[in-house]
Protein backbone atom coordinates (compact mmCIF):
# COMPACT_ATOMS: atom_id res chain seq x y z
CA MET A 1 0.25 0.08 0.13
CA PRO A 2 1.63 3.34 -1.17
CA THR A 3 2.40 6.25 1.44
CA ILE A 4 1.11 9.67 0.06
CA SER A 5 2.07 13.18 2.15
CA LEU A 6 0.23 16.09 2.59
CA ILE A 7 1.37 20.09 2.57
CA SER A 8 -0.24 22.87 2.41
CA ASP A 9 -1.87 25.99 3.84
CA PHE A 10 -5.18 25.28 3.34
CA GLY A 11 -5.94 24.71 7.61
CA LEU A 12 -7.39 21.95 8.94
CA GLN A 13 -10.83 23.98 8.51
CA GLU A 14 -11.32 23.90 5.54
CA PRO A 15 -12.42 21.36 3.14
CA LEU A 16 -10.00 21.07 0.27
CA PRO A 17 -7.24 18.98 2.51
CA ALA A 18 -10.05 15.91 2.47
CA ILE A 19 -11.36 16.86 -1.22
CA ALA A 20 -7.54 16.57 -1.62
CA LYS A 21 -7.29 13.22 -0.95
CA THR A 22 -10.63 11.83 -1.74
CA MET A 23 -9.02 12.85 -5.53
CA VAL A 24 -6.20 10.40 -4.62
CA LEU A 25 -8.49 7.81 -3.17
CA LYS A 26 -9.86 7.59 -6.75
CA GLN A 27 -6.43 7.73 -8.42
CA VAL A 28 -4.83 5.16 -6.56
CA GLY A 29 -6.62 3.66 -4.36
CA ASP A 30 -5.69 2.03 -0.55
CA CYS A 31 -2.82 4.16 0.63
CA ASN A 32 -2.19 5.47 3.97
CA PHE A 33 -2.00 9.72 4.32
CA ILE A 34 0.61 10.92 6.55
CA ASP A 35 -0.63 15.24 7.22
CA ILE A 36 3.24 16.66 6.93
CA SER A 37 0.95 20.05 8.06
CA HIS A 38 -1.50 21.88 6.69
CA HIS A 39 -0.60 25.40 8.67
CA LEU A 40 1.57 26.92 6.71
CA ASP A 41 1.68 30.72 6.25
CA PRO A 42 -0.66 31.12 2.86
CA PHE A 43 3.31 32.35 0.11
CA ASN A 44 5.65 31.60 2.85
CA LEU A 45 8.00 29.62 0.17
CA LEU A 46 11.38 29.29 3.04
CA GLN A 47 8.76 27.64 5.84
CA ALA A 48 7.32 25.47 3.66
CA ALA A 49 10.72 24.39 2.66
CA TYR A 50 11.92 24.52 6.08
CA ILE A 51 9.20 21.93 7.13
CA PHE A 52 8.60 19.14 4.00
CA ARG A 53 13.33 19.63 4.08
CA ALA A 54 12.54 18.17 7.53
CA ALA A 55 10.18 15.53 7.49
CA PHE A 56 11.27 14.46 4.15
CA PRO A 57 14.10 11.85 5.22
CA HIS A 58 11.98 10.35 7.63
CA PHE A 59 8.82 8.55 5.44
CA PRO A 60 10.57 5.43 3.47
CA GLU A 61 10.92 4.75 -0.21
CA GLY A 62 8.32 4.72 -2.84
CA THR A 63 6.45 7.68 -0.31
CA CYS A 64 4.55 10.39 -3.22
CA HIS A 65 4.34 13.62 -1.54
CA LEU A 66 1.53 16.31 -2.78
CA LEU A 67 3.22 19.37 -2.00
CA LEU A 68 -0.39 21.76 -2.17
CA CYS A 69 0.73 24.91 -1.26
CA SER A 70 1.17 29.17 -2.56
CA LEU A 71 -0.91 27.07 -5.83
CA PHE A 72 -1.62 29.98 -6.90
CA LEU A 73 1.54 32.43 -6.20
CA LYS A 74 2.10 32.07 -10.06
CA PRO A 75 0.06 32.61 -13.14
CA GLY A 76 -0.81 30.51 -15.21
CA ARG A 77 -0.69 26.67 -13.89
CA THR A 78 2.74 24.21 -14.43
CA ILE A 79 2.57 20.55 -12.81
CA LEU A 80 6.00 19.56 -11.32
CA PHE A 81 7.32 16.37 -10.85
CA ALA A 82 10.94 14.56 -9.93
CA GLN A 83 12.04 11.53 -8.58
CA TYR A 84 14.06 12.28 -5.08
CA LYS A 85 15.82 9.44 -2.99
CA ASN A 86 13.35 6.87 -4.90
CA GLN A 87 10.44 9.37 -3.97
CA TRP A 88 8.52 11.30 -4.95
CA LEU A 89 7.39 15.27 -5.39
CA ILE A 90 4.88 16.86 -7.00
CA GLY A 91 3.38 20.31 -6.77
CA VAL A 92 3.40 23.36 -9.03
CA ASP A 93 5.87 25.60 -10.59
CA ASN A 94 5.23 28.25 -7.68
CA GLY A 95 9.10 28.70 -6.95
CA LEU A 96 9.20 26.06 -4.43
CA PHE A 97 10.93 22.69 -5.97
CA PRO A 98 14.29 23.93 -6.21
CA PHE A 99 14.56 24.61 -2.52
CA LEU A 100 13.87 21.32 -2.14
CA PHE A 101 17.04 19.28 -3.06
CA ASP A 102 21.02 18.91 -2.21
CA SER A 103 21.98 18.46 -6.23
CA PRO A 104 20.74 18.82 -9.56
CA ILE A 105 17.78 16.62 -10.56
CA LYS A 106 15.83 16.04 -13.44
CA ILE A 107 12.52 18.34 -12.58
CA TYR A 108 9.42 17.43 -15.12
CA GLY A 109 6.15 19.63 -15.64
CA THR A 110 3.25 19.46 -18.04
CA SER A 111 0.67 22.10 -18.43
CA LEU A 112 -2.93 22.81 -17.01
CA PRO A 113 -5.18 24.35 -19.76
CA GLU A 114 -5.55 27.93 -19.23
CA GLN A 115 -9.45 26.96 -18.44
CA LEU A 116 -8.62 24.86 -15.56
CA SER A 117 -4.88 26.71 -14.36
CA ASN A 118 -7.38 29.39 -11.97
CA ASN A 119 -8.96 25.90 -10.45
CA THR A 120 -7.65 24.52 -6.87
CA GLN A 121 -10.08 21.77 -7.26
CA HIS A 122 -9.14 20.94 -10.82
CA THR A 123 -5.08 22.01 -10.10
CA ILE A 124 -5.20 19.50 -7.05
CA GLN A 125 -7.04 16.99 -9.52
CA HIS A 126 -4.27 16.96 -11.94
CA ILE A 127 -1.80 16.16 -8.71
CA ALA A 128 -3.52 13.27 -7.98
CA PHE A 129 -3.75 12.35 -11.59
CA ILE A 130 0.25 12.66 -12.00
CA ALA A 131 0.74 10.76 -8.20
CA GLY A 132 -1.40 7.00 -9.74
CA GLU A 133 0.64 7.50 -13.04
CA LEU A 134 4.07 6.90 -11.29
CA LEU A 135 2.85 5.36 -8.43
CA LYS A 136 1.97 2.83 -11.15
CA GLY A 137 4.59 2.42 -13.29
CA THR A 138 3.94 5.06 -15.82
CA PRO A 139 7.48 6.18 -16.42
CA ILE A 140 8.24 10.12 -15.15
CA ASP A 141 9.26 10.87 -18.69
CA HIS A 142 5.54 10.32 -20.39
CA LEU A 143 3.98 12.44 -19.12
CA GLY A 144 5.43 15.57 -18.80
CA THR A 145 9.04 16.76 -19.78
CA ILE A 146 11.68 18.54 -18.08
CA VAL A 147 11.88 21.92 -17.07
CA GLU A 148 13.58 25.09 -15.36
CA PRO A 149 14.70 25.64 -12.99
CA GLY A 150 16.76 23.06 -12.61
CA ILE A 151 19.40 24.84 -10.63
CA VAL A 152 19.17 23.81 -7.09
CA GLN A 153 18.77 27.38 -5.10
CA GLN A 154 20.62 26.52 -1.05
CA LEU A 155 18.69 25.86 1.08
CA PHE A 156 18.26 29.29 2.32
CA GLN A 157 22.16 29.63 2.63
CA PRO A 158 23.41 32.14 5.32
CA THR A 159 26.50 34.86 4.49
CA ILE A 160 29.93 33.46 6.19
CA TYR A 161 32.74 35.14 7.85
CA ASP A 162 36.19 34.27 8.17
CA ASN A 163 34.76 35.22 11.93
CA GLY A 164 31.02 34.98 12.17
CA ILE A 165 28.14 33.57 10.36
CA GLU A 166 24.75 36.11 9.33
CA GLY A 167 21.63 33.59 9.73
CA GLN A 168 18.02 34.79 8.92
CA VAL A 169 15.12 33.88 10.21
CA ILE A 170 13.17 30.61 8.39
CA HIS A 171 10.53 29.79 11.28
CA ILE A 172 8.56 30.56 14.22
CA ASP A 173 7.32 26.79 15.62
CA ASN A 174 4.36 27.15 17.67
CA PHE A 175 5.80 27.13 21.00
CA HIS A 176 7.79 30.68 19.52
CA ASN A 177 10.63 29.11 19.24
CA VAL A 178 12.86 30.84 16.63
CA ILE A 179 15.14 28.22 13.87
CA VAL A 180 17.93 30.10 11.65
CA ASN A 181 19.34 28.99 8.92
CA ILE A 182 22.55 27.42 9.77
CA THR A 183 23.04 24.15 9.79
CA ARG A 184 24.87 22.62 13.18
CA HIS A 185 28.12 21.65 9.58
CA GLN A 186 28.13 25.42 9.04
CA PHE A 187 28.45 26.73 12.25
CA GLU A 188 31.24 23.78 13.51
CA ASN A 189 33.16 23.96 10.19
CA GLN A 190 33.52 27.66 10.39
CA ARG A 191 33.68 27.55 14.86
CA LYS A 192 37.07 25.71 14.46
CA GLY A 193 36.96 25.09 17.89
CA ARG A 194 37.05 28.61 19.09
CA ASN A 195 34.64 30.53 20.92
CA PHE A 196 31.58 31.84 20.08
CA ARG A 197 28.74 34.33 20.68
CA ILE A 198 25.60 34.15 19.46
CA GLU A 199 23.59 37.44 19.11
CA PHE A 200 20.82 39.30 17.67
CA MET A 201 19.74 42.78 16.39
CA ARG A 202 19.26 44.03 19.66
CA LYS A 203 22.09 43.15 21.20
CA ASP A 204 20.46 39.93 23.29
CA VAL A 205 23.96 37.44 23.17
CA ILE A 206 23.90 34.03 24.25
CA LYS A 207 27.58 32.39 24.59
CA ASN A 208 26.01 28.47 24.01
CA ILE A 209 24.83 25.35 23.03
CA SER A 210 22.53 23.61 24.57
CA SER A 211 21.93 19.53 23.95
CA ASN A 212 18.15 20.30 25.29
CA TYR A 213 15.39 22.84 26.95
CA SER A 214 15.97 21.13 30.27
CA GLU A 215 19.26 22.19 30.55
CA VAL A 216 18.91 26.38 31.58
CA ALA A 217 16.57 26.87 34.62
CA PRO A 218 12.64 27.82 32.99
CA GLY A 219 12.76 31.49 32.00
CA SER A 220 16.93 31.40 30.46
CA PRO A 221 17.72 31.70 27.00
CA LEU A 222 19.54 29.08 25.45
CA CYS A 223 20.55 27.52 22.01
CA LEU A 224 20.93 24.19 20.52
CA PHE A 225 20.69 22.08 16.61
CA ASN A 226 17.13 20.75 16.88
CA ASN A 227 16.51 17.49 14.47
CA ALA A 228 16.27 19.19 11.85
CA GLY A 229 19.83 19.95 12.07
CA PHE A 230 18.92 24.57 12.23
CA LEU A 231 20.15 26.49 14.65
CA GLU A 232 17.39 27.11 17.38
CA ILE A 233 16.49 30.10 20.02
CA ALA A 234 14.46 29.19 22.55
CA ILE A 235 13.35 29.67 25.74
CA ASN A 236 12.67 26.61 28.56
CA GLN A 237 9.02 26.81 28.79
CA GLY A 238 8.95 30.24 27.08
CA ALA A 239 8.18 32.12 23.64
CA ALA A 240 11.47 33.05 22.38
CA ALA A 241 10.01 34.88 19.35
CA LYS A 242 8.02 37.61 21.16
CA LEU A 243 11.30 38.39 24.02
CA PHE A 244 13.45 39.19 21.71
CA GLY A 245 10.96 40.46 18.69
CA PHE A 246 11.75 38.27 16.18
CA GLU A 247 8.59 38.66 13.79
CA LYS A 248 7.17 35.70 10.57
CA THR A 249 8.06 36.78 7.18
CA ASN A 250 6.29 36.25 3.98
CA ASN A 251 10.26 35.81 2.50
CA ARG A 252 11.55 39.12 3.59
CA ASN A 253 15.60 38.85 4.94
CA LEU A 254 14.45 42.03 8.14
CA ILE A 255 17.35 43.29 9.91
CA TYR A 256 15.67 42.43 12.89
CA ASN A 257 15.15 38.04 11.56
CA THR A 258 19.08 38.38 11.76
CA VAL A 259 21.48 36.08 13.52
CA LYS A 260 24.65 36.75 13.81
CA VAL A 261 28.18 34.08 14.83
CA ILE A 262 31.26 35.75 16.11
CA PHE A 263 33.77 33.38 16.40
CA GLU A 264 36.48 34.41 19.08
């Protein structure tokens, strides 16, 4: 039985997640549905990419991922699909796909007829159709042609200097923990054993990396690398985003969402 994941900005108070699943059932038959999230911020591709990439490694080979977010970010409607690490990804050409991969891959596309391109349900229906065909074994090049962009955009890369790294907030979770686009690998590779301090734009400073929240007293701030490998700013039993003045943004690198790591 195939596994189908869904990620969207529909919200669970709307019928669209259920409609999408019924459309998939008509094309695929019995399958295991896994909801990654239906509460993405509209048009926030950086957040969508972070959440999807954090979940992706935990899925089994052969999983088909339906990326149903920001469906109307661009005019017209081209359905994109690709195979990556023996899993299928299907969505629309809205700028999200290039953020999802660590290496260049072939991305295929097919265009919806103009009269259907601005209809949400027709778009989902065609995505479900592609999913069904891929899971039935239809060759990918029978369903579309290679399209651009096939160039990989590295996931929200920070600016790296000899003596520091400057990153941006890419996600604020439900606990108001702040996720920054600095990975553990980038941090350690640039640190080279040196001391460091992590500064926010209001000159708040943290000088240690914790392994879990309970290493500090309740109400105290901390930094750690989360399960997805990204730097996280948190407060034990508190709300870091509110305390430090971070705000959600729609792909805008606003100055108050900058985090600096300075090596000494």
